[in-house]
Amino acid sequence: MSGPVDVPGLEQVLLRLSRMAADLPELAELDFNPVLARRESVVVVDARVRLRPARPVDPYLRRLR
């Protein structure tokens, strides 16, 4: 059985993950396991990150953000 959790804290974890993925093109894979969401806090207990080599950026190629 679970109770209420820190929803704003969980939203922050997801927003920061999204920002990291947008800002770091080398990020190929990210695994948070487990994420403990409690009433007063959210904690990522373990994270595994896999990076790939950065591709050269073409300054004339437009990219949507």
C-alpha atoms as a PDB file:
ATOM      1  CA  MET A   1       0.000   0.000   0.000  1.00  0.00           C
ATOM      2  CA  SER A   2       1.323   3.464  -0.817  1.00  0.00           C
ATOM      3  CA  GLY A   3       0.447   6.905   0.409  1.00  0.00           C
ATOM      4  CA  PRO A   4       0.793  10.418  -0.966  1.00  0.00           C
ATOM      5  CA  VAL A   5       4.083  11.356  -2.634  1.00  0.00           C
ATOM      6  CA  ASP A   6       5.963  14.572  -3.379  1.00  0.00           C
ATOM      7  CA  VAL A   7       4.457  15.226  -6.825  1.00  0.00           C
ATOM      8  CA  PRO A   8       6.321  18.541  -7.365  1.00  0.00           C
ATOM      9  CA  GLY A   9       9.583  16.755  -6.500  1.00  0.00           C
ATOM     10  CA  LEU A  10       8.812  13.986  -8.969  1.00  0.00           C
ATOM     11  CA  GLU A  11       7.990  16.591 -11.630  1.00  0.00           C
ATOM     12  CA  GLN A  12      11.377  18.233 -10.977  1.00  0.00           C
ATOM     13  CA  VAL A  13      13.204  14.928 -11.485  1.00  0.00           C
ATOM     14  CA  LEU A  14      11.428  14.430 -14.819  1.00  0.00           C
ATOM     15  CA  LEU A  15      11.988  18.021 -15.944  1.00  0.00           C
ATOM     16  CA  ARG A  16      15.702  17.833 -15.083  1.00  0.00           C
ATOM     17  CA  LEU A  17      15.997  14.526 -16.928  1.00  0.00           C
ATOM     18  CA  SER A  18      14.358  16.090 -19.977  1.00  0.00           C
ATOM     19  CA  ARG A  19      16.660  19.122 -19.773  1.00  0.00           C
ATOM     20  CA  MET A  20      19.726  16.893 -19.485  1.00  0.00           C
ATOM     21  CA  ALA A  21      18.645  14.915 -22.567  1.00  0.00           C
ATOM     22  CA  ALA A  22      18.146  18.148 -24.531  1.00  0.00           C
ATOM     23  CA  ASP A  23      21.436  19.715 -23.412  1.00  0.00           C
ATOM     24  CA  LEU A  24      23.631  16.625 -23.728  1.00  0.00           C
ATOM     25  CA  PRO A  25      23.480  15.113 -27.219  1.00  0.00           C
ATOM     26  CA  GLU A  26      25.962  12.413 -26.156  1.00  0.00           C
ATOM     27  CA  LEU A  27      23.357  10.928 -23.810  1.00  0.00           C
ATOM     28  CA  ALA A  28      22.323   7.606 -25.342  1.00  0.00           C
ATOM     29  CA  GLU A  29      20.639   5.909 -22.381  1.00  0.00           C
ATOM     30  CA  LEU A  30      19.751   6.739 -18.780  1.00  0.00           C
ATOM     31  CA  ASP A  31      18.303   4.366 -16.201  1.00  0.00           C
ATOM     32  CA  PHE A  32      17.039   5.478 -12.785  1.00  0.00           C
ATOM     33  CA  ASN A  33      16.348   2.421 -10.656  1.00  0.00           C
ATOM     34  CA  PRO A  34      14.893   2.742  -8.111  1.00  0.00           C
ATOM     35  CA  VAL A  35      13.346   6.151  -7.623  1.00  0.00           C
ATOM     36  CA  LEU A  36      11.910   6.530  -4.134  1.00  0.00           C
ATOM     37  CA  ALA A  37       9.009   8.979  -4.035  1.00  0.00           C
ATOM     38  CA  ARG A  38       7.967   9.799  -0.499  1.00  0.00           C
ATOM     39  CA  ARG A  39       5.668  12.364   0.997  1.00  0.00           C
ATOM     40  CA  GLU A  40       8.511  14.810   1.705  1.00  0.00           C
ATOM     41  CA  SER A  41      11.119  13.960  -0.943  1.00  0.00           C
ATOM     42  CA  VAL A  42      12.062  12.140  -4.121  1.00  0.00           C
ATOM     43  CA  VAL A  43      15.392  10.283  -4.261  1.00  0.00           C
ATOM     44  CA  VAL A  44      17.079   8.613  -7.217  1.00  0.00           C
ATOM     45  CA  VAL A  45      18.917   5.765  -5.493  1.00  0.00           C
ATOM     46  CA  ASP A  46      20.894   4.486  -8.477  1.00  0.00           C
ATOM     47  CA  ALA A  47      21.513   5.847 -11.954  1.00  0.00           C
ATOM     48  CA  ARG A  48      23.202   4.286 -14.960  1.00  0.00           C
ATOM     49  CA  VAL A  49      24.258   6.477 -17.863  1.00  0.00           C
ATOM     50  CA  ARG A  50      25.483   5.414 -21.301  1.00  0.00           C
ATOM     51  CA  LEU A  51      27.092   8.027 -23.526  1.00  0.00           C
ATOM     52  CA  ARG A  52      27.902   7.870 -27.222  1.00  0.00           C
ATOM     53  CA  PRO A  53      30.504   9.942 -29.065  1.00  0.00           C
ATOM     54  CA  ALA A  54      29.289  13.400 -29.990  1.00  0.00           C
ATOM     55  CA  ARG A  55      28.623  13.980 -33.660  1.00  0.00           C
ATOM     56  CA  PRO A  56      30.009  17.153 -35.197  1.00  0.00           C
ATOM     57  CA  VAL A  57      27.369  19.856 -35.333  1.00  0.00           C
ATOM     58  CA  ASP A  58      26.652  21.476 -38.674  1.00  0.00           C
ATOM     59  CA  PRO A  59      26.206  25.199 -37.910  1.00  0.00           C
ATOM     60  CA  TYR A  60      23.998  25.580 -41.003  1.00  0.00           C
ATOM     61  CA  LEU A  61      21.574  22.812 -40.019  1.00  0.00           C
ATOM     62  CA  ARG A  62      18.564  24.081 -38.093  1.00  0.00           C
ATOM     63  CA  ARG A  63      17.189  22.040 -35.233  1.00  0.00           C
ATOM     64  CA  LEU A  64      13.842  22.321 -33.461  1.00  0.00           C
ATOM     65  CA  ARG A  65      13.956  22.731 -29.697  1.00  0.00           C
END
